[in-house]
């Protein structure tokens, strides 16, 4: 017994000495333990394209466009055939993917001007906030379009609140869209390259005295506008909104894809020793389509096809960086688009004329702005080398569910949002996705339930003339079996009233007071 006591005392003293040791060697060992612990949490990257349609990738059936780098991600991961953005337009979808909330719950979640205040409350839960709480570094590179500031922005000082105030440690963004002013990059709230002697002024109401516009000075325009893009001219392109000053800070449109690529590459190179979350929000193929000269004319489909090829190349280069840095085996990649496709979205750029046999909607009905399937059903891929087995899944998944799913992945949970945990589906371990999903398009909402889609009656024109897209405004209920009729050609509302009533009751319960069947239209906003 005495010997055992001495042995126990010796062990205790040894452990105490080791724990109390402050040598550089022990400090280094502690760092190594921390590093090993950190490696157990995967890096997370969301690659988000802008207006990319369900049929725009060769992985999703495109025959006139070849996208080998995105195809490689699809063939090495889970390719979802029923993947959804939350909305058929950009701002609402971006709101949903970052907050895990249905955009129709926020009346301000619609396409925003470049001067709009921050849409996400600084008190809200967000994906980057959740991941930061679990030890992640967080960053956004690319398009923001969720508002900045409080409504009156001084672009010549730090712009706040913005991405940095809703969970991103680092942000390098364009404020709204490539076709909207201000046409400058913003680095952690500060305009890049700003000359204080040439201050920036921005307005979405009236032009500044003496400043040319695409209407007053058409000779200065290289890309002819079709509708809505006839205000200030930057780089020979008419924009939405008016801007004065900031000449040294203005971006070069044809370099934008390369510019954001380098920023994304630099971020992963400098943050590889700690788990990170990168939201890489690419601007293609949104208008104005301005491919770098390396890609101009390469697709045969006009600038829209060219920028899709450019985006595919950028993604290939980015994936090479991840591989070279040894990150692919410990990185979950989610690839998707904020909404469906549109050809003519404000400029004459041959998108319509050179489409040929290419079908950006992939056989679906509608497109951007539409409550029909092509508005919200988009390419959706998850990839994790060595962890996700290649497969094709018909499960219904939504970008809004990333928050809860990623929370599960990193060892926590979220109970404050509309987001649901479908991590097993994203990992390809289950094919049981959402049973119910409300999709949204410019104020209209509809219900996806299993294989069925129910669209309530809506007032207004069904065909949006300027963009040439059916938006879904019909005076009667619509009911489609999407498994048998993905193109939504056979309305079963009258022939199957029992199923219609079943879906309508579900829809009413989920929408709450936002829907009243007695007035036969959604009364929300």
Protein backbone atom coordinates (compact mmCIF):
# COMPACT_ATOMS: atom_id res chain seq x y z
CA UNK A 1 0.00 0.00 0.00
CA UNK A 2 2.85 2.36 0.88
CA UNK A 3 4.54 1.67 -2.48
CA UNK A 4 1.29 2.37 -4.30
CA UNK A 5 0.93 5.66 -2.40
CA UNK A 6 4.45 6.74 -3.45
CA UNK A 7 3.71 5.79 -7.04
CA UNK A 8 0.46 7.77 -6.97
CA UNK A 9 2.22 10.76 -5.42
CA UNK A 10 4.97 10.57 -8.06
CA UNK A 11 2.43 10.48 -10.86
CA UNK A 12 0.54 13.41 -9.37
CA UNK A 13 3.70 15.49 -9.00
CA UNK A 14 4.79 14.65 -12.55
CA UNK A 15 1.44 15.67 -14.02
CA UNK A 16 1.47 18.87 -11.96
CA UNK A 17 4.95 19.78 -13.17
CA UNK A 18 4.05 19.07 -16.78
CA UNK A 19 0.87 21.11 -16.58
CA UNK A 20 2.66 23.98 -14.94
CA UNK A 21 5.57 24.00 -17.34
CA UNK A 22 5.85 27.24 -19.31
CA UNK A 23 8.63 26.21 -21.65
CA UNK A 24 8.51 27.09 -25.35
CA UNK A 25 8.41 23.38 -26.09
CA UNK A 26 5.19 22.89 -24.12
CA UNK A 27 3.65 26.00 -25.60
CA UNK A 28 4.35 24.62 -29.03
CA UNK A 29 2.78 21.29 -28.04
CA UNK A 30 -0.33 23.13 -26.87
CA UNK A 31 -0.49 24.94 -30.20
CA UNK A 32 -0.23 21.62 -32.01
CA UNK A 33 -3.09 20.19 -29.94
CA UNK A 34 -5.21 23.25 -30.73
CA UNK A 35 -4.37 22.90 -34.41
CA UNK A 36 -5.37 19.23 -34.44
CA UNK A 37 -8.62 20.14 -32.70
CA UNK A 38 -9.31 22.87 -35.24
CA UNK A 39 -8.69 20.54 -38.16
CA UNK A 40 -11.55 18.35 -36.93
CA UNK A 41 -13.95 21.11 -37.97
CA UNK A 42 -14.16 21.37 -41.76
CA UNK A 43 -13.80 24.54 -43.74
CA UNK A 44 -17.06 25.58 -45.40
CA UNK A 45 -17.28 27.36 -48.74
CA UNK A 46 -20.45 28.52 -50.47
CA UNK A 47 -19.94 29.31 -54.17
CA UNK A 48 -22.96 31.33 -55.23
CA UNK A 49 -23.64 32.38 -58.81
CA UNK A 50 -26.01 35.08 -59.98
CA UNK A 51 -28.92 34.29 -62.37
CA UNK A 52 -27.52 30.88 -63.35
CA UNK A 53 -30.32 28.68 -64.65
CA UNK A 54 -31.12 25.03 -64.04
CA UNK A 55 -30.11 24.23 -67.62
CA UNK A 56 -26.99 26.40 -67.88
CA UNK A 57 -24.48 23.68 -66.91
CA UNK A 58 -23.46 20.62 -68.88
CA UNK A 59 -23.76 18.68 -65.60
CA UNK A 60 -27.47 19.55 -65.70
CA UNK A 61 -27.98 18.66 -69.33
CA UNK A 62 -26.72 21.67 -71.29
CA UNK A 63 -25.38 20.61 -74.68
CA UNK A 64 -24.38 23.98 -76.14
CA UNK A 65 -22.24 25.01 -73.14
CA UNK A 66 -19.46 22.95 -71.55
CA UNK A 67 -18.69 23.63 -67.90
CA UNK A 68 -16.07 20.99 -67.04
CA UNK A 69 -14.91 22.45 -63.74
CA UNK A 70 -18.38 22.74 -62.23
CA UNK A 71 -19.19 19.35 -63.74
CA UNK A 72 -16.23 17.88 -61.84
CA UNK A 73 -17.70 19.14 -58.57
CA UNK A 74 -21.09 17.67 -59.52
CA UNK A 75 -19.65 14.29 -60.52
CA UNK A 76 -17.61 14.13 -57.31
CA UNK A 77 -20.40 15.15 -54.96
CA UNK A 78 -24.17 15.16 -54.62
CA UNK A 79 -25.99 16.70 -57.58
CA UNK A 80 -29.49 17.69 -56.49
CA UNK A 81 -32.26 17.71 -59.07
CA UNK A 82 -34.71 19.42 -56.72
CA UNK A 83 -32.49 22.14 -55.24
CA UNK A 84 -34.12 25.49 -54.55
CA UNK A 85 -33.24 29.08 -53.88
CA UNK A 86 -35.81 30.64 -51.58
CA UNK A 87 -36.80 33.27 -54.14
CA UNK A 88 -36.80 33.98 -57.86
CA UNK A 89 -34.82 37.20 -57.36
CA UNK A 90 -31.46 37.98 -55.84
CA UNK A 91 -31.87 40.00 -52.64
CA UNK A 92 -34.53 37.73 -51.07
CA UNK A 93 -32.52 34.59 -51.85
CA UNK A 94 -29.34 36.09 -50.39
CA UNK A 95 -31.27 37.13 -47.30
CA UNK A 96 -32.55 33.57 -46.86
CA UNK A 97 -29.26 31.75 -47.41
CA UNK A 98 -27.50 33.90 -44.80
CA UNK A 99 -30.29 34.20 -42.20
CA UNK A 100 -32.14 30.90 -42.56
CA UNK A 101 -35.39 32.87 -42.74
CA UNK A 102 -38.11 32.86 -45.38
CA UNK A 103 -37.71 36.19 -47.23
CA UNK A 104 -41.45 36.77 -47.35
CA UNK A 105 -41.37 37.28 -43.59
CA UNK A 106 -39.45 40.52 -44.18
CA UNK A 107 -41.47 43.03 -46.23
CA UNK A 108 -38.27 44.82 -47.21
CA UNK A 109 -36.68 41.68 -48.69
CA UNK A 110 -36.99 42.60 -52.35
CA UNK A 111 -34.55 43.78 -55.02
CA UNK A 112 -32.73 46.69 -53.40
CA UNK A 113 -31.16 49.83 -54.84
CA UNK A 114 -27.51 50.47 -54.11
CA UNK A 115 -28.41 53.01 -51.44
CA UNK A 116 -30.75 50.77 -49.42
CA UNK A 117 -30.06 50.33 -45.70
CA UNK A 118 -28.81 47.03 -44.33
CA UNK A 119 -31.62 44.47 -44.70
CA UNK A 120 -30.34 41.98 -42.14
CA UNK A 121 -30.74 43.15 -38.57
CA UNK A 122 -27.51 43.17 -36.59
CA UNK A 123 -29.44 41.23 -33.94
CA UNK A 124 -30.42 38.39 -36.30
CA UNK A 125 -28.88 34.96 -36.38
CA UNK A 126 -26.79 34.41 -39.49
CA UNK A 127 -24.63 31.63 -40.89
CA UNK A 128 -21.38 33.54 -40.26
CA UNK A 129 -22.46 34.46 -36.72
CA UNK A 130 -23.26 30.85 -35.93
CA UNK A 131 -19.93 29.64 -37.30
CA UNK A 132 -17.99 32.38 -35.53
CA UNK A 133 -19.45 31.14 -32.26
CA UNK A 134 -17.89 27.76 -33.07
CA UNK A 135 -14.42 29.16 -33.67
CA UNK A 136 -14.56 29.89 -37.39
CA UNK A 137 -13.03 32.76 -39.31
CA UNK A 138 -15.64 34.16 -41.71
CA UNK A 139 -15.46 36.12 -44.95
CA UNK A 140 -17.47 37.24 -47.97
CA UNK A 141 -15.94 37.94 -51.37
CA UNK A 142 -18.16 39.20 -54.18
CA UNK A 143 -21.71 40.44 -54.53
CA UNK A 144 -23.56 41.61 -51.40
CA UNK A 145 -26.87 43.29 -52.42
CA UNK A 146 -28.34 43.21 -48.93
CA UNK A 147 -28.09 46.92 -48.19
CA UNK A 148 -25.50 48.97 -46.38
CA UNK A 149 -25.65 51.57 -43.64
CA UNK A 150 -28.78 52.98 -42.11
CA UNK A 151 -30.30 54.68 -45.14
CA UNK A 152 -28.05 57.69 -45.63
CA UNK A 153 -24.62 56.51 -46.74
CA UNK A 154 -21.46 58.60 -46.87
CA UNK A 155 -19.39 56.62 -49.36
CA UNK A 156 -16.32 58.69 -48.47
CA UNK A 157 -16.12 57.32 -44.93
CA UNK A 158 -16.45 53.81 -43.54
CA UNK A 159 -19.85 52.40 -44.55
CA UNK A 160 -21.53 50.70 -41.61
CA UNK A 161 -23.39 48.57 -40.70
CA UNK A 162 -22.72 45.99 -43.37
CA UNK A 163 -21.37 42.44 -43.71
CA UNK A 164 -18.88 42.95 -40.88
CA UNK A 165 -21.72 43.75 -38.49
CA UNK A 166 -23.74 40.60 -39.26
CA UNK A 167 -21.02 38.02 -38.73
CA UNK A 168 -18.30 38.41 -41.36
CA UNK A 169 -14.80 39.04 -40.02
CA UNK A 170 -13.69 40.14 -43.48
CA UNK A 171 -15.64 41.46 -46.46
CA UNK A 172 -14.63 42.47 -49.95
CA UNK A 173 -17.76 43.26 -51.92
CA UNK A 174 -19.65 45.24 -54.49
CA UNK A 175 -22.52 46.98 -52.76
CA UNK A 176 -25.42 45.86 -54.92
CA UNK A 177 -25.13 44.52 -58.47
CA UNK A 178 -22.76 45.09 -61.35
CA UNK A 179 -25.39 47.16 -63.16
CA UNK A 180 -26.06 49.45 -60.20
CA UNK A 181 -24.11 52.36 -58.73
CA UNK A 182 -21.87 52.79 -56.84
CA UNK A 183 -19.50 50.98 -59.20
CA UNK A 184 -16.73 50.51 -56.63
CA UNK A 185 -15.31 47.73 -54.48
CA UNK A 186 -15.74 47.98 -50.72
CA UNK A 187 -13.14 46.45 -48.41
CA UNK A 188 -14.40 45.99 -44.84
CA UNK A 189 -16.63 49.02 -45.23
CA UNK A 190 -14.15 51.29 -47.03
CA UNK A 191 -14.26 52.15 -50.74
CA UNK A 192 -11.12 50.78 -52.37
CA UNK A 193 -8.85 53.32 -54.07
CA UNK A 194 -10.93 56.35 -53.11
CA UNK A 195 -9.37 59.75 -53.74
CA UNK A 196 -10.56 62.07 -50.98
CA UNK A 197 -10.24 64.97 -53.42
CA UNK A 198 -12.80 63.30 -55.70
CA UNK A 199 -15.61 62.31 -53.32
CA UNK A 200 -18.39 59.96 -54.34
CA UNK A 201 -22.03 61.03 -54.49
CA UNK A 202 -24.82 58.55 -55.24
CA UNK A 203 -28.53 59.04 -55.87
CA UNK A 204 -31.33 56.82 -57.13
CA UNK A 205 -33.74 59.74 -57.50
CA UNK A 206 -32.11 62.38 -59.67
CA UNK A 207 -28.96 63.01 -61.65
CA UNK A 208 -26.18 65.35 -60.60
CA UNK A 209 -25.93 68.55 -62.60
CA UNK A 210 -23.78 68.24 -65.69
CA UNK A 211 -23.26 64.47 -65.42
CA UNK A 212 -23.85 62.48 -68.64
CA UNK A 213 -26.38 59.65 -68.82
CA UNK A 214 -27.10 56.90 -71.32
CA UNK A 215 -30.12 58.94 -72.45
CA UNK A 216 -28.45 62.34 -72.80
CA UNK A 217 -25.18 61.04 -74.22
CA UNK A 218 -25.83 57.85 -76.18
CA UNK A 219 -22.54 58.33 -78.05
CA UNK A 220 -20.69 57.46 -74.83
CA UNK A 221 -22.41 54.08 -74.49
CA UNK A 222 -20.72 50.91 -75.78
CA UNK A 223 -23.38 48.49 -74.51
CA UNK A 224 -26.82 49.61 -75.68
CA UNK A 225 -29.47 49.58 -72.98
CA UNK A 226 -32.85 47.92 -73.52
CA UNK A 227 -34.74 48.97 -70.41
CA UNK A 228 -33.95 50.51 -67.04
CA UNK A 229 -30.18 50.88 -67.52
CA UNK A 230 -29.93 54.41 -68.84
CA UNK A 231 -28.65 56.49 -65.93
CA UNK A 232 -24.96 57.17 -65.18
CA UNK A 233 -22.39 55.79 -67.62
CA UNK A 234 -19.40 53.87 -66.28
CA UNK A 235 -16.92 52.16 -68.63
CA UNK A 236 -19.28 52.76 -71.53
CA UNK A 237 -22.19 51.01 -69.79
CA UNK A 238 -25.39 52.68 -68.65
CA UNK A 239 -26.24 51.84 -65.02
CA UNK A 240 -29.20 51.94 -62.69
CA UNK A 241 -28.83 55.02 -60.51
CA UNK A 242 -26.69 58.15 -60.61
CA UNK A 243 -23.11 58.53 -59.45
CA UNK A 244 -20.65 61.41 -59.41
CA UNK A 245 -16.97 61.35 -58.50
CA UNK A 246 -14.80 58.46 -57.34
CA UNK A 247 -13.11 58.07 -60.73
CA UNK A 248 -9.99 56.39 -59.32
CA UNK A 249 -12.10 53.91 -57.35
CA UNK A 250 -14.34 52.68 -60.18
CA UNK A 251 -13.93 49.05 -61.09
CA UNK A 252 -13.05 47.68 -64.51
CA UNK A 253 -15.95 45.44 -65.48
CA UNK A 254 -13.97 42.99 -67.60
CA UNK A 255 -11.55 42.36 -64.71
CA UNK A 256 -14.20 41.72 -62.06
CA UNK A 257 -14.20 37.92 -62.23
CA UNK A 258 -10.40 37.76 -62.01
CA UNK A 259 -10.42 40.33 -59.22
CA UNK A 260 -12.79 38.39 -57.00
CA UNK A 261 -11.04 35.11 -57.81
CA UNK A 262 -7.71 36.43 -56.52
CA UNK A 263 -9.37 37.70 -53.35
CA UNK A 264 -10.99 34.30 -52.74
CA UNK A 265 -7.70 32.48 -53.42
CA UNK A 266 -5.77 34.79 -51.11
CA UNK A 267 -8.29 34.27 -48.35
CA UNK A 268 -8.03 30.48 -48.28
CA UNK A 269 -4.24 30.64 -48.50
CA UNK A 270 -3.98 32.93 -45.49
CA UNK A 271 -6.65 31.23 -43.34
CA UNK A 272 -5.88 27.55 -43.89
CA UNK A 273 -4.55 26.94 -40.35
CA UNK A 274 -7.95 27.55 -38.74
CA UNK A 275 -11.45 26.51 -39.82
CA UNK A 276 -12.98 29.16 -42.05
CA UNK A 277 -16.26 29.97 -43.77
CA UNK A 278 -16.03 31.70 -47.15
CA UNK A 279 -19.08 33.00 -49.00
CA UNK A 280 -17.77 33.39 -52.54
CA UNK A 281 -20.58 35.29 -54.27
CA UNK A 282 -19.73 35.50 -57.95
CA UNK A 283 -21.40 38.08 -60.21
CA UNK A 284 -21.88 35.93 -63.34
CA UNK A 285 -24.05 35.66 -65.41
CA UNK A 286 -25.89 38.77 -64.17
CA UNK A 287 -25.96 41.82 -66.43
CA UNK A 288 -23.96 43.63 -67.64
CA UNK A 289 -22.22 40.56 -69.05
CA UNK A 290 -18.65 41.71 -69.49
CA UNK A 291 -16.36 38.73 -70.07
CA UNK A 292 -12.63 39.24 -69.94
CA UNK A 293 -11.16 39.32 -73.49
CA UNK A 294 -9.85 35.78 -72.84
CA UNK A 295 -13.46 34.55 -72.92
CA UNK A 296 -15.16 37.01 -75.28
CA UNK A 297 -16.79 35.10 -78.13
CA UNK A 298 -15.74 31.68 -76.81
CA UNK A 299 -19.21 30.27 -76.18
CA UNK A 300 -20.92 31.19 -79.42
CA UNK A 301 -23.92 32.20 -77.32
CA UNK A 302 -22.97 35.83 -76.84
CA UNK A 303 -21.68 37.48 -73.65
CA UNK A 304 -24.05 35.51 -71.42
CA UNK A 305 -22.57 32.22 -72.53
CA UNK A 306 -19.07 33.69 -72.37
CA UNK A 307 -19.37 34.75 -68.73
CA UNK A 308 -20.68 31.30 -67.78
CA UNK A 309 -17.52 29.82 -69.30
CA UNK A 310 -15.54 32.46 -67.42
CA UNK A 311 -17.23 31.53 -64.15
CA UNK A 312 -16.48 27.86 -64.76
CA UNK A 313 -12.81 28.68 -65.36
CA UNK A 314 -12.66 30.76 -62.16
CA UNK A 315 -14.13 27.89 -60.18
CA UNK A 316 -11.58 25.53 -61.70
CA UNK A 317 -8.74 27.84 -60.67
CA UNK A 318 -10.20 28.19 -57.20
CA UNK A 319 -10.47 24.41 -56.81
CA UNK A 320 -6.82 24.09 -57.87
CA UNK A 321 -5.89 26.49 -55.09
CA UNK A 322 -7.79 24.42 -52.54
CA UNK A 323 -6.02 21.29 -53.78
CA UNK A 324 -2.57 22.90 -53.78
CA UNK A 325 -3.10 24.15 -50.24
CA UNK A 326 -4.16 20.68 -49.09
CA UNK A 327 -7.67 21.78 -48.18
CA UNK A 328 -10.01 19.67 -50.29
CA UNK A 329 -10.15 16.73 -47.87
CA UNK A 330 -11.29 19.03 -45.07
CA UNK A 331 -13.62 21.41 -46.90
CA UNK A 332 -17.35 21.19 -47.56
CA UNK A 333 -18.28 23.07 -50.73
CA UNK A 334 -21.83 24.09 -51.56
CA UNK A 335 -22.48 25.34 -55.09
CA UNK A 336 -25.70 27.02 -56.20
CA UNK A 337 -27.37 30.08 -57.78
CA UNK A 338 -29.52 32.81 -56.28
CA UNK A 339 -32.37 32.37 -58.79
CA UNK A 340 -33.21 31.18 -62.26
CA UNK A 341 -32.11 32.50 -65.65
CA UNK A 342 -32.99 35.58 -67.66
CA UNK A 343 -31.76 36.48 -71.13
CA UNK A 344 -32.79 40.09 -71.76
CA UNK A 345 -32.39 41.80 -68.40
CA UNK A 346 -31.73 45.36 -69.50
CA UNK A 347 -29.16 45.41 -72.30
CA UNK A 348 -28.95 44.44 -75.94
CA UNK A 349 -26.16 41.85 -75.61
CA UNK A 350 -27.22 39.10 -78.05
CA UNK A 351 -28.36 36.83 -75.21
CA UNK A 352 -31.71 36.29 -76.96
CA UNK A 353 -30.44 36.31 -80.52
CA UNK A 354 -27.62 33.83 -79.93
CA UNK A 355 -29.36 31.40 -77.60
CA UNK A 356 -29.86 28.86 -80.37
CA UNK A 357 -30.54 25.38 -79.00
CA UNK A 358 -29.44 26.31 -75.48
CA UNK A 359 -32.22 26.16 -72.86
CA UNK A 360 -31.12 28.05 -69.71
CA UNK A 361 -34.22 26.77 -67.86
CA UNK A 362 -33.44 23.13 -68.56
CA UNK A 363 -36.99 22.26 -69.59
CA UNK A 364 -38.60 24.04 -66.64
CA UNK A 365 -41.23 26.74 -67.01
CA UNK A 366 -40.55 30.42 -66.32
CA UNK A 367 -37.26 31.96 -65.21
CA UNK A 368 -36.01 34.79 -63.02
CA UNK A 369 -38.93 36.75 -61.47
CA UNK A 370 -41.24 33.74 -61.94
CA UNK A 371 -43.15 31.61 -59.43
CA UNK A 372 -42.93 28.78 -61.95
CA UNK A 373 -40.16 26.24 -61.35
CA UNK A 374 -37.39 27.86 -63.38
CA UNK A 375 -37.52 30.87 -61.07
CA UNK A 376 -36.35 29.06 -57.96
CA UNK A 377 -35.18 25.56 -58.93
CA UNK A 378 -31.47 25.95 -59.58
CA UNK A 379 -28.25 23.94 -59.77
CA UNK A 380 -27.40 22.74 -56.25
CA UNK A 381 -24.30 20.65 -55.50
CA UNK A 382 -22.46 19.58 -52.34
CA UNK A 383 -18.87 18.35 -52.49
CA UNK A 384 -16.40 17.10 -49.89
CA UNK A 385 -13.52 15.04 -51.18
CA UNK A 386 -13.36 11.70 -49.41
CA UNK A 387 -16.44 12.38 -47.26
CA UNK A 388 -19.29 12.72 -49.75
CA UNK A 389 -19.83 9.84 -52.14
CA UNK A 390 -20.81 10.85 -55.69
CA UNK A 391 -24.54 10.55 -56.30
CA UNK A 392 -27.61 12.18 -57.80
CA UNK A 393 -30.38 13.05 -55.36
CA UNK A 394 -34.03 13.90 -56.04
CA UNK A 395 -34.51 15.12 -52.46
CA UNK A 396 -36.05 18.58 -52.10
CA UNK A 397 -33.39 20.84 -50.58
CA UNK A 398 -33.32 24.60 -50.04
CA UNK A 399 -30.50 27.05 -49.49
CA UNK A 400 -32.35 28.40 -46.46
CA UNK A 401 -31.60 25.13 -44.67
CA UNK A 402 -27.85 25.60 -44.75
CA UNK A 403 -27.85 27.41 -41.42
CA UNK A 404 -29.35 24.58 -39.37
CA UNK A 405 -27.52 21.90 -41.37
CA UNK A 406 -24.13 23.55 -40.93
CA UNK A 407 -24.87 24.10 -37.25
CA UNK A 408 -25.24 20.33 -36.89
CA UNK A 409 -22.03 19.80 -38.86
CA UNK A 410 -19.97 21.93 -36.47
CA UNK A 411 -21.53 20.59 -33.29
CA UNK A 412 -24.25 23.04 -32.34
CA UNK A 413 -27.88 23.68 -33.28
CA UNK A 414 -30.18 26.48 -34.41
CA UNK A 415 -33.75 26.84 -33.23
CA UNK A 416 -34.37 30.50 -34.01
CA UNK A 417 -35.02 30.45 -37.76
CA UNK A 418 -37.02 28.74 -40.51
CA UNK A 419 -33.94 26.70 -41.39
CA UNK A 420 -34.20 22.92 -40.97
CA UNK A 421 -31.39 20.43 -40.42
CA UNK A 422 -30.85 18.33 -43.54
CA UNK A 423 -27.15 17.64 -43.05
CA UNK A 424 -27.57 13.94 -43.82
CA UNK A 425 -29.21 14.85 -47.13
CA UNK A 426 -26.48 17.34 -48.04
CA UNK A 427 -23.88 14.69 -47.21
CA UNK A 428 -25.62 12.19 -49.47
CA UNK A 429 -26.48 9.87 -46.59
CA UNK A 430 -30.24 10.35 -46.92
CA UNK A 431 -32.62 11.17 -49.75
CA UNK A 432 -35.46 12.39 -47.56
CA UNK A 433 -35.55 16.16 -47.98
CA UNK A 434 -38.13 18.81 -47.24
CA UNK A 435 -41.76 17.74 -47.31
CA UNK A 436 -42.98 21.34 -47.47
CA UNK A 437 -41.29 24.41 -48.90
CA UNK A 438 -42.73 27.81 -49.67
CA UNK A 439 -41.11 29.45 -52.67
CA UNK A 440 -41.36 33.16 -53.46
CA UNK A 441 -41.19 35.41 -56.50
CA UNK A 442 -41.67 39.21 -56.39
CA UNK A 443 -44.31 38.99 -53.66
CA UNK A 444 -46.00 35.80 -54.87
CA UNK A 445 -45.67 32.60 -52.85
CA UNK A 446 -46.45 28.97 -53.68
CA UNK A 447 -46.14 25.61 -51.94
CA UNK A 448 -43.92 22.68 -52.90
CA UNK A 449 -45.24 19.58 -51.11
CA UNK A 450 -43.61 16.29 -52.01
CA UNK A 451 -43.89 15.94 -55.78
CA UNK A 452 -46.60 18.59 -55.95
CA UNK A 453 -46.59 22.35 -56.50
CA UNK A 454 -49.59 24.54 -55.73
CA UNK A 455 -49.74 28.15 -56.95
CA UNK A 456 -52.62 30.35 -55.73
CA UNK A 457 -54.43 32.78 -58.05
CA UNK A 458 -52.70 36.09 -58.71
CA UNK A 459 -53.74 39.29 -60.40
CA UNK A 460 -51.77 41.02 -63.11
CA UNK A 461 -50.18 39.99 -66.39
CA UNK A 462 -48.67 36.52 -66.61
CA UNK A 463 -46.06 37.54 -69.16
CA UNK A 464 -43.35 40.05 -68.28
CA UNK A 465 -42.82 41.67 -71.65
CA UNK A 466 -39.46 43.33 -71.03
CA UNK A 467 -37.69 40.13 -70.05
CA UNK A 468 -39.88 37.69 -71.98
CA UNK A 469 -40.71 35.45 -69.01
CA UNK A 470 -43.96 34.00 -67.64
CA UNK A 471 -44.20 35.08 -64.01
CA UNK A 472 -47.14 32.90 -62.91
CA UNK A 473 -49.97 35.41 -62.56
CA UNK A 474 -53.06 33.38 -63.45
CA UNK A 475 -56.61 33.99 -62.16
CA UNK A 476 -57.14 30.39 -61.02
CA UNK A 477 -55.37 27.91 -58.77
CA UNK A 478 -52.59 25.89 -60.35
CA UNK A 479 -51.61 22.38 -59.28
CA UNK A 480 -48.80 20.39 -60.85
CA UNK A 481 -47.28 16.96 -60.27
CA UNK A 482 -43.65 17.87 -60.85
CA UNK A 483 -42.43 14.29 -60.94
CA UNK A 484 -44.59 13.61 -63.98
CA UNK A 485 -44.77 17.15 -65.36
CA UNK A 486 -41.60 19.13 -64.60
CA UNK A 487 -42.47 21.60 -67.37
CA UNK A 488 -45.79 22.44 -65.66
CA UNK A 489 -47.98 22.00 -68.73
CA UNK A 490 -50.86 20.11 -67.10
CA UNK A 491 -52.79 22.04 -64.45
CA UNK A 492 -54.55 19.46 -62.24
CA UNK A 493 -56.35 21.90 -59.93
CA UNK A 494 -59.81 21.17 -61.36
CA UNK A 495 -59.32 17.44 -61.96
CA UNK A 496 -57.85 16.78 -58.49
CA UNK A 497 -59.71 19.04 -56.03
CA UNK A 498 -58.88 16.80 -53.05
CA UNK A 499 -55.12 17.25 -53.53
CA UNK A 500 -55.61 20.97 -54.11
CA UNK A 501 -57.52 21.31 -50.84
CA UNK A 502 -54.87 19.31 -49.00
CA UNK A 503 -52.08 21.59 -50.23
CA UNK A 504 -54.09 24.72 -49.69
CA UNK A 505 -54.63 23.86 -46.03
CA UNK A 506 -50.89 23.25 -45.58
CA UNK A 507 -50.11 26.50 -47.37
CA UNK A 508 -52.52 28.46 -45.18
CA UNK A 509 -51.04 26.97 -42.01
CA UNK A 510 -47.50 27.85 -43.06
CA UNK A 511 -48.27 31.33 -44.40
CA UNK A 512 -50.42 32.25 -41.43
CA UNK A 513 -52.24 35.54 -41.85
CA UNK A 514 -50.37 36.27 -45.06
CA UNK A 515 -52.87 34.37 -47.19
CA UNK A 516 -56.65 34.59 -47.46
CA UNK A 517 -58.28 32.18 -49.92
CA UNK A 518 -61.46 34.24 -49.85
CA UNK A 519 -59.80 37.05 -51.80
CA UNK A 520 -58.00 34.47 -53.94
CA UNK A 521 -54.62 36.10 -53.76
CA UNK A 522 -51.72 36.46 -51.40
CA UNK A 523 -52.24 39.71 -49.56
CA UNK A 524 -48.66 39.86 -48.29
CA UNK A 525 -46.97 43.04 -49.57
